[in-house]
Amino acid sequence: MSLVSSQQSLQQLYREHSSWLNGWLRRRLGCAENAADLAQDTFLRVLSKERELPALREPRAYLSTIAHSLLVNHWRRQAIERAYLEALALQPEQHAPSPEAAELIIETLLAIDAMLLRLPSKVREAFLLSQLDGLTYAAIAMRLQVSERMVKKYMAQAMLQCLLLAEG
């Protein structure tokens, strides 16, 4: 497929379905501005994929699948921001970070969240039980019904991902 043909297909997809997608997102978000942003992000995601658009049999299903993924990410970000701001509100005002630092902290929390989601469930659970609940490897092993040696492997796997995240 030529570049011109691909661009025409994307333009047609946008013309025929952007209003529908915007409404679909607006109903889920209750906010026209966020819906417009996510609709635009959806079409940017379509643009970044190397897929032949004329081959789409169900363009609205394709667009709603992409938009739903972006919507879930949007809600996760809101939940993380809300939790951070609630924790920040409990701190003395003199310890409040600058707006720039707060944004960096939120971005870091989002990266950690994404890294945790990529971990296998038992690895993630072992890591969180250790780091957040302070459980020993023996207690984690009992809770997960695995050997202590397996917990050590899980922790090594999680720590490696933390190191890779720190390097990135």
Protein backbone atom coordinates (compact mmCIF):
# COMPACT_ATOMS: atom_id res chain seq x y z
CA MET A 1 0.00 0.00 0.00
CA SER A 2 1.42 3.40 -0.91
CA LEU A 3 1.97 6.16 1.61
CA VAL A 4 -0.62 8.38 -0.11
CA SER A 5 -3.20 5.59 -0.07
CA SER A 6 -2.52 4.93 3.61
CA GLN A 7 -2.90 8.62 4.46
CA GLN A 8 -6.17 8.77 2.54
CA SER A 9 -7.43 5.73 4.42
CA LEU A 10 -6.55 7.34 7.76
CA GLN A 11 -8.25 10.58 6.73
CA GLN A 12 -11.36 8.66 5.73
CA LEU A 13 -11.32 6.72 9.00
CA TYR A 14 -11.04 10.01 10.88
CA ARG A 15 -13.82 11.73 8.89
CA GLU A 16 -16.22 8.82 9.24
CA HIS A 17 -15.62 7.87 12.88
CA SER A 18 -14.03 10.72 14.87
CA SER A 19 -17.37 12.22 15.97
CA TRP A 20 -18.65 8.81 17.03
CA LEU A 21 -15.43 8.07 18.95
CA ASN A 22 -15.53 11.45 20.64
CA GLY A 23 -19.10 10.81 21.80
CA TRP A 24 -18.22 7.29 22.92
CA LEU A 25 -15.39 8.65 25.05
CA ARG A 26 -17.42 11.61 26.34
CA ARG A 27 -20.10 9.24 27.67
CA ARG A 28 -17.47 7.26 29.57
CA LEU A 29 -15.52 10.24 30.88
CA GLY A 30 -18.22 12.86 31.39
CA CYS A 31 -15.72 15.46 30.17
CA ALA A 32 -15.61 16.81 26.62
CA GLU A 33 -12.01 18.05 26.87
CA ASN A 34 -10.59 14.73 28.09
CA ALA A 35 -12.69 12.88 25.51
CA ALA A 36 -11.27 15.05 22.72
CA ASP A 37 -7.72 14.45 23.98
CA LEU A 38 -8.20 10.68 24.15
CA ALA A 39 -9.88 10.61 20.72
CA GLN A 40 -6.89 12.42 19.29
CA ASP A 41 -4.53 10.03 21.08
CA THR A 42 -6.48 7.11 19.60
CA PHE A 43 -5.95 8.36 16.07
CA LEU A 44 -2.28 9.04 16.83
CA ARG A 45 -1.99 5.43 17.98
CA VAL A 46 -3.66 4.28 14.72
CA LEU A 47 -1.20 6.43 12.79
CA SER A 48 1.75 4.88 14.62
CA LYS A 49 0.63 1.32 13.82
CA GLU A 50 1.76 -0.19 10.59
CA ARG A 51 -1.53 -1.69 9.58
CA GLU A 52 -3.36 -1.46 6.31
CA LEU A 53 -6.45 0.54 7.14
CA PRO A 54 -8.59 -0.54 4.18
CA ALA A 55 -8.40 -4.06 5.62
CA LEU A 56 -10.41 -2.98 8.68
CA ARG A 57 -13.76 -4.73 8.63
CA GLU A 58 -14.98 -3.22 11.89
CA PRO A 59 -13.36 0.23 12.22
CA ARG A 60 -15.41 1.22 15.27
CA ALA A 61 -14.47 -1.95 17.11
CA TYR A 62 -10.82 -1.31 16.23
CA LEU A 63 -11.01 2.32 17.39
CA SER A 64 -12.93 1.51 20.57
CA THR A 65 -10.38 -1.18 21.49
CA ILE A 66 -7.54 1.33 21.20
CA ALA A 67 -9.56 4.05 22.95
CA HIS A 68 -10.53 1.67 25.78
CA SER A 69 -6.85 0.94 26.42
CA LEU A 70 -6.12 4.68 26.55
CA LEU A 71 -9.15 5.17 28.81
CA VAL A 72 -7.90 2.55 31.28
CA ASN A 73 -4.49 4.26 31.30
CA HIS A 74 -6.21 7.60 31.89
CA TRP A 75 -8.14 6.22 34.87
CA ARG A 76 -5.01 4.55 36.29
CA ARG A 77 -3.15 7.84 36.03
CA GLN A 78 -5.98 9.67 37.79
CA ALA A 79 -6.03 7.08 40.60
CA ILE A 80 -2.26 7.33 41.06
CA GLU A 81 -2.35 11.13 41.03
CA ARG A 82 -5.22 11.15 43.52
CA ALA A 83 -3.41 8.73 45.88
CA TYR A 84 -0.21 10.80 45.66
CA LEU A 85 -2.05 14.06 46.34
CA GLU A 86 -3.86 12.50 49.31
CA ALA A 87 -0.53 11.31 50.74
CA LEU A 88 1.00 14.71 50.07
CA ALA A 89 -1.86 16.45 51.89
CA LEU A 90 -0.90 14.53 55.04
CA GLN A 91 2.62 16.02 54.98
CA PRO A 92 3.57 19.37 56.51
CA GLU A 93 3.32 22.19 53.97
CA GLN A 94 7.03 22.98 54.15
CA HIS A 95 7.76 19.51 52.72
CA ALA A 96 5.56 20.03 49.67
CA PRO A 97 7.48 19.58 46.41
CA SER A 98 7.41 22.17 43.65
CA PRO A 99 4.84 21.58 40.88
CA GLU A 100 7.67 20.37 38.61
CA ALA A 101 8.96 17.93 41.22
CA ALA A 102 5.41 16.71 41.91
CA GLU A 103 4.92 16.00 38.20
CA LEU A 104 8.23 14.07 38.08
CA ILE A 105 7.14 12.06 41.12
CA ILE A 106 3.80 11.22 39.48
CA GLU A 107 5.56 10.19 36.26
CA THR A 108 7.89 7.97 38.30
CA LEU A 109 4.94 6.41 40.12
CA LEU A 110 3.28 5.73 36.77
CA ALA A 111 6.46 4.07 35.47
CA ILE A 112 6.65 1.90 38.60
CA ASP A 113 2.99 0.99 38.22
CA ALA A 114 3.53 -0.01 34.58
CA MET A 115 6.59 -2.07 35.55
CA LEU A 116 4.63 -3.86 38.28
CA LEU A 117 1.82 -4.66 35.85
CA ARG A 118 4.31 -6.33 33.50
CA LEU A 119 5.54 -8.66 36.24
CA PRO A 120 4.00 -12.12 36.57
CA SER A 121 1.33 -12.02 39.29
CA LYS A 122 3.24 -14.07 41.91
CA VAL A 123 6.41 -12.03 41.36
CA ARG A 124 4.43 -8.80 41.77
CA GLU A 125 2.64 -10.10 44.86
CA ALA A 126 5.88 -11.28 46.50
CA PHE A 127 7.55 -7.94 45.77
CA LEU A 128 4.65 -5.91 47.17
CA LEU A 129 4.33 -8.12 50.25
CA SER A 130 8.01 -7.59 50.92
CA GLN A 131 8.27 -3.90 50.13
CA LEU A 132 4.90 -2.58 51.31
CA ASP A 133 3.88 -5.01 54.03
CA GLY A 134 7.40 -5.76 55.26
CA LEU A 135 6.86 -9.51 55.28
CA THR A 136 9.84 -11.84 55.51
CA TYR A 137 10.58 -14.25 52.68
CA ALA A 138 9.37 -17.10 54.90
CA ALA A 139 6.04 -15.35 55.53
CA ILE A 140 5.68 -14.58 51.83
CA ALA A 141 6.43 -18.20 50.96
CA MET A 142 3.67 -19.37 53.32
CA ARG A 143 1.21 -16.80 51.96
CA LEU A 144 1.93 -17.68 48.31
CA GLN A 145 2.27 -21.41 49.04
CA VAL A 146 5.70 -21.63 47.43
CA SER A 147 9.17 -22.35 48.75
CA GLU A 148 11.32 -19.65 50.28
CA ARG A 149 13.79 -20.28 47.47
CA MET A 150 11.05 -19.44 44.95
CA VAL A 151 10.35 -16.20 46.81
CA LYS A 152 14.04 -15.32 46.46
CA LYS A 153 13.79 -15.95 42.71
CA TYR A 154 10.65 -13.79 42.53
CA MET A 155 12.38 -10.99 44.41
CA ALA A 156 15.45 -11.19 42.18
CA GLN A 157 13.20 -10.94 39.14
CA ALA A 158 11.37 -7.92 40.55
CA MET A 159 14.58 -6.20 41.64
CA LEU A 160 16.05 -6.66 38.16
CA GLN A 161 13.02 -4.88 36.70
CA CYS A 162 13.48 -2.08 39.24
CA LEU A 163 17.11 -1.69 38.20
CA LEU A 164 16.15 -1.64 34.53
CA LEU A 165 13.53 0.99 35.27
CA ALA A 166 16.10 3.11 37.11
CA GLU A 167 18.48 2.92 34.15
CA GLY A 168 15.79 3.91 31.66
